[in-house]
Amino acid sequence: MAWELGWIQEMASFVKSIDSNHLLTVGMEGFDGDSMPEKKAINPGYQGGTDFISNHLMKKIDFTTILPTVWEGR
């Protein structure tokens, strides 16, 4: 979602302005979003959600984590 990208960018810029050595991540679950529309159908029970790839491609985001678990039925 567009508002998420703006908010993430704003908060990352703010934190980096205080501490440029601080490592940042987004902290969102990894669902496929608008950057990979062909994969949205395989989201576990969702047709939308956060755009994990786009949210982590910003310059001030330093890393991401992935939890390789199938959530459906758990």
PDB file of N, CA and C in Angstrom:
ATOM      1  N   MET A   1       0.832  -1.178   0.000  1.00  0.00           N
ATOM      2  CA  MET A   1       0.000   0.000   0.000  1.00  0.00           C
ATOM      3  C   MET A   1       0.880   1.245   0.000  1.00  0.00           C
ATOM      4  N   ALA A   2       0.426   2.244  -0.678  1.00  0.00           N
ATOM      5  CA  ALA A   2       1.232   3.452  -0.829  1.00  0.00           C
ATOM      6  C   ALA A   2       1.498   4.156   0.501  1.00  0.00           C
ATOM      7  N   TRP A   3       0.510   4.179   1.390  1.00  0.00           N
ATOM      8  CA  TRP A   3       0.720   4.860   2.671  1.00  0.00           C
ATOM      9  C   TRP A   3       1.808   4.162   3.475  1.00  0.00           C
ATOM     10  N   GLU A   4       1.907   2.833   3.368  1.00  0.00           N
ATOM     11  CA  GLU A   4       2.945   2.112   4.099  1.00  0.00           C
ATOM     12  C   GLU A   4       4.331   2.544   3.644  1.00  0.00           C
ATOM     13  N   LEU A   5       4.513   2.654   2.338  1.00  0.00           N
ATOM     14  CA  LEU A   5       5.817   3.052   1.807  1.00  0.00           C
ATOM     15  C   LEU A   5       6.212   4.430   2.311  1.00  0.00           C
ATOM     16  N   GLY A   6       5.261   5.355   2.306  1.00  0.00           N
ATOM     17  CA  GLY A   6       5.545   6.705   2.790  1.00  0.00           C
ATOM     18  C   GLY A   6       5.879   6.724   4.269  1.00  0.00           C
ATOM     19  N   TRP A   7       5.131   5.954   5.056  1.00  0.00           N
ATOM     20  CA  TRP A   7       5.365   5.907   6.492  1.00  0.00           C
ATOM     21  C   TRP A   7       6.704   5.256   6.801  1.00  0.00           C
ATOM     22  N   ILE A   8       7.004   4.164   6.140  1.00  0.00           N
ATOM     23  CA  ILE A   8       8.284   3.474   6.361  1.00  0.00           C
ATOM     24  C   ILE A   8       9.447   4.392   6.013  1.00  0.00           C
ATOM     25  N   GLN A   9       9.343   5.055   4.880  1.00  0.00           N
ATOM     26  CA  GLN A   9      10.410   5.967   4.459  1.00  0.00           C
ATOM     27  C   GLN A   9      10.584   7.113   5.445  1.00  0.00           C
ATOM     28  N   GLU A  10       9.479   7.683   5.910  1.00  0.00           N
ATOM     29  CA  GLU A  10       9.541   8.789   6.858  1.00  0.00           C
ATOM     30  C   GLU A  10      10.183   8.358   8.179  1.00  0.00           C
ATOM     31  N   MET A  11       9.750   7.221   8.711  1.00  0.00           N
ATOM     32  CA  MET A  11      10.283   6.754   9.995  1.00  0.00           C
ATOM     33  C   MET A  11      11.749   6.325   9.871  1.00  0.00           C
ATOM     34  N   ALA A  12      12.101   5.673   8.767  1.00  0.00           N
ATOM     35  CA  ALA A  12      13.492   5.261   8.561  1.00  0.00           C
ATOM     36  C   ALA A  12      14.394   6.485   8.455  1.00  0.00           C
ATOM     37  N   SER A  13      13.957   7.502   7.747  1.00  0.00           N
ATOM     38  CA  SER A  13      14.746   8.732   7.628  1.00  0.00           C
ATOM     39  C   SER A  13      14.916   9.406   8.980  1.00  0.00           C
ATOM     40  N   PHE A  14      13.851   9.398   9.777  1.00  0.00           N
ATOM     41  CA  PHE A  14      13.912  10.001  11.099  1.00  0.00           C
ATOM     42  C   PHE A  14      14.932   9.279  11.982  1.00  0.00           C
ATOM     43  N   VAL A  15      14.841   7.949  12.042  1.00  0.00           N
ATOM     44  CA  VAL A  15      15.764   7.183  12.885  1.00  0.00           C
ATOM     45  C   VAL A  15      17.199   7.352  12.406  1.00  0.00           C
ATOM     46  N   LYS A  16      17.419   7.293  11.093  1.00  0.00           N
ATOM     47  CA  LYS A  16      18.776   7.435  10.555  1.00  0.00           C
ATOM     48  C   LYS A  16      19.332   8.842  10.791  1.00  0.00           C
ATOM     49  N   SER A  17      18.449   9.851  10.907  1.00  0.00           N
ATOM     50  CA  SER A  17      18.933  11.212  11.181  1.00  0.00           C
ATOM     51  C   SER A  17      19.460  11.321  12.612  1.00  0.00           C
ATOM     52  N   ILE A  18      18.953  10.474  13.487  1.00  0.00           N
ATOM     53  CA  ILE A  18      19.410  10.458  14.874  1.00  0.00           C
ATOM     54  C   ILE A  18      20.638   9.569  15.032  1.00  0.00           C
ATOM     55  N   ASP A  19      20.614   8.416  14.346  1.00  0.00           N
ATOM     56  CA  ASP A  19      21.688   7.430  14.471  1.00  0.00           C
ATOM     57  C   ASP A  19      21.884   6.752  13.120  1.00  0.00           C
ATOM     58  N   SER A  20      22.838   7.243  12.347  1.00  0.00           N
ATOM     59  CA  SER A  20      23.050   6.718  10.989  1.00  0.00           C
ATOM     60  C   SER A  20      23.598   5.296  10.976  1.00  0.00           C
ATOM     61  N   ASN A  21      24.092   4.815  12.116  1.00  0.00           N
ATOM     62  CA  ASN A  21      24.606   3.447  12.191  1.00  0.00           C
ATOM     63  C   ASN A  21      23.577   2.434  12.682  1.00  0.00           C
ATOM     64  N   HIS A  22      22.374   2.907  12.995  1.00  0.00           N
ATOM     65  CA  HIS A  22      21.319   2.033  13.506  1.00  0.00           C
ATOM     66  C   HIS A  22      20.787   1.164  12.365  1.00  0.00           C
ATOM     67  N   LEU A  23      20.799  -0.158  12.538  1.00  0.00           N
ATOM     68  CA  LEU A  23      20.252  -1.051  11.527  1.00  0.00           C
ATOM     69  C   LEU A  23      18.735  -1.080  11.635  1.00  0.00           C
ATOM     70  N   LEU A  24      18.076  -0.964  10.487  1.00  0.00           N
ATOM     71  CA  LEU A  24      16.614  -0.909  10.470  1.00  0.00           C
ATOM     72  C   LEU A  24      16.010  -2.017   9.625  1.00  0.00           C
ATOM     73  N   THR A  25      14.884  -2.500  10.097  1.00  0.00           N
ATOM     74  CA  THR A  25      14.048  -3.407   9.322  1.00  0.00           C
ATOM     75  C   THR A  25      12.611  -2.914   9.437  1.00  0.00           C
ATOM     76  N   VAL A  26      11.736  -3.457   8.631  1.00  0.00           N
ATOM     77  CA  VAL A  26      10.358  -2.988   8.606  1.00  0.00           C
ATOM     78  C   VAL A  26       9.520  -3.668   9.678  1.00  0.00           C
ATOM     79  N   GLY A  27       9.705  -4.954   9.891  1.00  0.00           N
ATOM     80  CA  GLY A  27       8.959  -5.679  10.910  1.00  0.00           C
ATOM     81  C   GLY A  27       7.562  -6.073  10.483  1.00  0.00           C
ATOM     82  N   MET A  28       7.384  -6.335   9.203  1.00  0.00           N
ATOM     83  CA  MET A  28       6.083  -6.775   8.696  1.00  0.00           C
ATOM     84  C   MET A  28       6.191  -8.213   8.219  1.00  0.00           C
ATOM     85  N   GLU A  29       5.062  -8.887   8.193  1.00  0.00           N
ATOM     86  CA  GLU A  29       5.031 -10.256   7.705  1.00  0.00           C
ATOM     87  C   GLU A  29       5.222 -10.268   6.197  1.00  0.00           C
ATOM     88  N   GLY A  30       5.767 -11.343   5.712  1.00  0.00           N
ATOM     89  CA  GLY A  30       6.141 -11.431   4.301  1.00  0.00           C
ATOM     90  C   GLY A  30       5.094 -11.981   3.379  1.00  0.00           C
ATOM     91  N   PHE A  31       4.117 -11.181   3.020  1.00  0.00           N
ATOM     92  CA  PHE A  31       3.141 -11.586   2.020  1.00  0.00           C
ATOM     93  C   PHE A  31       3.472 -10.922   0.696  1.00  0.00           C
ATOM     94  N   ASP A  32       3.095 -11.591  -0.379  1.00  0.00           N
ATOM     95  CA  ASP A  32       3.296 -10.996  -1.701  1.00  0.00           C
ATOM     96  C   ASP A  32       2.249  -9.927  -1.923  1.00  0.00           C
ATOM     97  N   GLY A  33       2.667  -8.831  -2.533  1.00  0.00           N
ATOM     98  CA  GLY A  33       1.765  -7.712  -2.761  1.00  0.00           C
ATOM     99  C   GLY A  33       1.801  -7.264  -4.200  1.00  0.00           C
ATOM    100  N   ASP A  34       1.607  -5.985  -4.403  1.00  0.00           N
ATOM    101  CA  ASP A  34       1.474  -5.431  -5.745  1.00  0.00           C
ATOM    102  C   ASP A  34       2.728  -5.558  -6.594  1.00  0.00           C
ATOM    103  N   SER A  35       3.899  -5.732  -5.985  1.00  0.00           N
ATOM    104  CA  SER A  35       5.112  -5.862  -6.792  1.00  0.00           C
ATOM    105  C   SER A  35       5.198  -7.237  -7.462  1.00  0.00           C
ATOM    106  N   MET A  36       4.395  -8.198  -6.994  1.00  0.00           N
ATOM    107  CA  MET A  36       4.377  -9.539  -7.579  1.00  0.00           C
ATOM    108  C   MET A  36       2.928 -10.031  -7.677  1.00  0.00           C
ATOM    109  N   PRO A  37       2.114  -9.401  -8.529  1.00  0.00           N
ATOM    110  CA  PRO A  37       0.692  -9.745  -8.579  1.00  0.00           C
ATOM    111  C   PRO A  37       0.420 -11.202  -8.934  1.00  0.00           C
ATOM    112  N   GLU A  38       1.313 -11.825  -9.691  1.00  0.00           N
ATOM    113  CA  GLU A  38       1.106 -13.222 -10.067  1.00  0.00           C
ATOM    114  C   GLU A  38       1.230 -14.170  -8.872  1.00  0.00           C
ATOM    115  N   LYS A  39       1.822 -13.698  -7.780  1.00  0.00           N
ATOM    116  CA  LYS A  39       1.998 -14.542  -6.598  1.00  0.00           C
ATOM    117  C   LYS A  39       1.017 -14.233  -5.471  1.00  0.00           C
ATOM    118  N   LYS A  40       0.188 -13.197  -5.629  1.00  0.00           N
ATOM    119  CA  LYS A  40      -0.747 -12.834  -4.565  1.00  0.00           C
ATOM    120  C   LYS A  40      -1.707 -13.973  -4.245  1.00  0.00           C
ATOM    121  N   ALA A  41      -2.022 -14.803  -5.211  1.00  0.00           N
ATOM    122  CA  ALA A  41      -2.973 -15.899  -5.007  1.00  0.00           C
ATOM    123  C   ALA A  41      -2.440 -16.952  -4.046  1.00  0.00           C
ATOM    124  N   ILE A  42      -1.122 -17.034  -3.857  1.00  0.00           N
ATOM    125  CA  ILE A  42      -0.571 -18.056  -2.962  1.00  0.00           C
ATOM    126  C   ILE A  42      -0.366 -17.543  -1.538  1.00  0.00           C
ATOM    127  N   ASN A  43      -0.743 -16.298  -1.266  1.00  0.00           N
ATOM    128  CA  ASN A  43      -0.710 -15.800   0.107  1.00  0.00           C
ATOM    129  C   ASN A  43      -1.626 -16.682   0.955  1.00  0.00           C
ATOM    130  N   PRO A  44      -1.226 -17.023   2.159  1.00  0.00           N
ATOM    131  CA  PRO A  44      -2.025 -17.943   2.977  1.00  0.00           C
ATOM    132  C   PRO A  44      -3.340 -17.345   3.466  1.00  0.00           C
ATOM    133  N   GLY A  45      -4.380 -17.465   2.651  1.00  0.00           N
ATOM    134  CA  GLY A  45      -5.691 -16.962   3.036  1.00  0.00           C
ATOM    135  C   GLY A  45      -5.921 -15.497   2.732  1.00  0.00           C
ATOM    136  N   TYR A  46      -4.994 -14.842   2.043  1.00  0.00           N
ATOM    137  CA  TYR A  46      -5.103 -13.423   1.740  1.00  0.00           C
ATOM    138  C   TYR A  46      -4.959 -13.187   0.246  1.00  0.00           C
ATOM    139  N   GLN A  47      -5.671 -12.214  -0.267  1.00  0.00           N
ATOM    140  CA  GLN A  47      -5.476 -11.798  -1.652  1.00  0.00           C
ATOM    141  C   GLN A  47      -4.669 -10.508  -1.720  1.00  0.00           C
ATOM    142  N   GLY A  48      -4.418  -9.936  -0.601  1.00  0.00           N
ATOM    143  CA  GLY A  48      -3.638  -8.710  -0.528  1.00  0.00           C
ATOM    144  C   GLY A  48      -2.799  -8.757   0.713  1.00  0.00           C
ATOM    145  N   GLY A  49      -2.343  -7.646   1.111  1.00  0.00           N
ATOM    146  CA  GLY A  49      -1.534  -7.590   2.310  1.00  0.00           C
ATOM    147  C   GLY A  49      -0.395  -6.614   2.112  1.00  0.00           C
ATOM    148  N   THR A  50       0.549  -6.667   3.006  1.00  0.00           N
ATOM    149  CA  THR A  50       1.690  -5.784   2.878  1.00  0.00           C
ATOM    150  C   THR A  50       2.551  -6.249   1.720  1.00  0.00           C
ATOM    151  N   ASP A  51       3.155  -5.330   1.034  1.00  0.00           N
ATOM    152  CA  ASP A  51       4.027  -5.669  -0.091  1.00  0.00           C
ATOM    153  C   ASP A  51       5.445  -5.836   0.453  1.00  0.00           C
ATOM    154  N   PHE A  52       5.752  -7.034   0.865  1.00  0.00           N
ATOM    155  CA  PHE A  52       7.002  -7.353   1.543  1.00  0.00           C
ATOM    156  C   PHE A  52       8.231  -6.902   0.754  1.00  0.00           C
ATOM    157  N   ILE A  53       8.244  -7.141  -0.541  1.00  0.00           N
ATOM    158  CA  ILE A  53       9.409  -6.796  -1.365  1.00  0.00           C
ATOM    159  C   ILE A  53       9.590  -5.288  -1.456  1.00  0.00           C
ATOM    160  N   SER A  54       8.544  -4.580  -1.840  1.00  0.00           N
ATOM    161  CA  SER A  54       8.648  -3.119  -1.968  1.00  0.00           C
ATOM    162  C   SER A  54       9.005  -2.454  -0.642  1.00  0.00           C
ATOM    163  N   ASN A  55       8.436  -2.969   0.454  1.00  0.00           N
ATOM    164  CA  ASN A  55       8.692  -2.371   1.765  1.00  0.00           C
ATOM    165  C   ASN A  55      10.142  -2.524   2.211  1.00  0.00           C
ATOM    166  N   HIS A  56      10.846  -3.497   1.677  1.00  0.00           N
ATOM    167  CA  HIS A  56      12.230  -3.726   2.098  1.00  0.00           C
ATOM    168  C   HIS A  56      13.271  -3.267   1.073  1.00  0.00           C
ATOM    169  N   LEU A  57      12.854  -2.693  -0.027  1.00  0.00           N
ATOM    170  CA  LEU A  57      13.791  -2.228  -1.051  1.00  0.00           C
ATOM    171  C   LEU A  57      14.246  -0.779  -0.861  1.00  0.00           C
ATOM    172  N   MET A  58      13.753  -0.118   0.162  1.00  0.00           N
ATOM    173  CA  MET A  58      14.135   1.277   0.385  1.00  0.00           C
ATOM    174  C   MET A  58      15.572   1.384   0.874  1.00  0.00           C
ATOM    175  N   LYS A  59      16.243   2.445   0.475  1.00  0.00           N
ATOM    176  CA  LYS A  59      17.661   2.641   0.813  1.00  0.00           C
ATOM    177  C   LYS A  59      17.948   2.554   2.303  1.00  0.00           C
ATOM    178  N   LYS A  60      17.091   3.075   3.133  1.00  0.00           N
ATOM    179  CA  LYS A  60      17.393   3.162   4.565  1.00  0.00           C
ATOM    180  C   LYS A  60      16.971   1.927   5.350  1.00  0.00           C
ATOM    181  N   ILE A  61      16.398   0.948   4.672  1.00  0.00           N
ATOM    182  CA  ILE A  61      16.065  -0.327   5.316  1.00  0.00           C
ATOM    183  C   ILE A  61      17.244  -1.262   5.084  1.00  0.00           C
ATOM    184  N   ASP A  62      17.815  -1.770   6.174  1.00  0.00           N
ATOM    185  CA  ASP A  62      19.075  -2.499   6.095  1.00  0.00           C
ATOM    186  C   ASP A  62      18.949  -4.019   5.974  1.00  0.00           C
ATOM    187  N   PHE A  63      17.898  -4.586   6.516  1.00  0.00           N
ATOM    188  CA  PHE A  63      17.780  -6.041   6.461  1.00  0.00           C
ATOM    189  C   PHE A  63      16.327  -6.466   6.630  1.00  0.00           C
ATOM    190  N   THR A  64      16.096  -7.727   6.380  1.00  0.00           N
ATOM    191  CA  THR A  64      14.784  -8.320   6.602  1.00  0.00           C
ATOM    192  C   THR A  64      14.971  -9.711   7.187  1.00  0.00           C
ATOM    193  N   THR A  65      13.924 -10.249   7.720  1.00  0.00           N
ATOM    194  CA  THR A  65      13.948 -11.629   8.201  1.00  0.00           C
ATOM    195  C   THR A  65      12.763 -12.368   7.593  1.00  0.00           C
ATOM    196  N   ILE A  66      12.928 -13.642   7.436  1.00  0.00           N
ATOM    197  CA  ILE A  66      11.864 -14.467   6.868  1.00  0.00           C
ATOM    198  C   ILE A  66      11.657 -15.661   7.782  1.00  0.00           C
ATOM    199  N   LEU A  67      10.431 -15.932   8.107  1.00  0.00           N
ATOM    200  CA  LEU A  67      10.084 -17.093   8.914  1.00  0.00           C
ATOM    201  C   LEU A  67       9.456 -18.119   7.968  1.00  0.00           C
ATOM    202  N   PRO A  68      10.189 -19.147   7.590  1.00  0.00           N
ATOM    203  CA  PRO A  68       9.688 -20.101   6.587  1.00  0.00           C
ATOM    204  C   PRO A  68       8.716 -21.117   7.178  1.00  0.00           C
ATOM    205  N   THR A  69       7.563 -20.647   7.564  1.00  0.00           N
ATOM    206  CA  THR A  69       6.538 -21.502   8.144  1.00  0.00           C
ATOM    207  C   THR A  69       5.248 -21.326   7.375  1.00  0.00           C
ATOM    208  N   VAL A  70       4.565 -22.392   7.162  1.00  0.00           N
ATOM    209  CA  VAL A  70       3.235 -22.313   6.546  1.00  0.00           C
ATOM    210  C   VAL A  70       2.257 -22.041   7.668  1.00  0.00           C
ATOM    211  N   TRP A  71       1.610 -20.877   7.617  1.00  0.00           N
ATOM    212  CA  TRP A  71       0.728 -20.447   8.694  1.00  0.00           C
ATOM    213  C   TRP A  71      -0.636 -21.120   8.630  1.00  0.00           C
ATOM    214  N   GLU A  72      -1.101 -21.420   7.434  1.00  0.00           N
ATOM    215  CA  GLU A  72      -2.442 -21.951   7.281  1.00  0.00           C
ATOM    216  C   GLU A  72      -2.601 -23.267   8.047  1.00  0.00           C
ATOM    217  N   GLY A  73      -3.625 -23.345   8.858  1.00  0.00           N
ATOM    218  CA  GLY A  73      -3.902 -24.562   9.608  1.00  0.00           C
ATOM    219  C   GLY A  73      -3.095 -24.708  10.886  1.00  0.00           C
ATOM    220  N   ARG A  74      -2.410 -23.649  11.298  1.00  0.00           N
ATOM    221  CA  ARG A  74      -1.593 -23.737  12.516  1.00  0.00           C
ATOM    222  C   ARG A  74      -2.199 -22.909  13.620  1.00  0.00           C
TER     223      ARG A  74
END
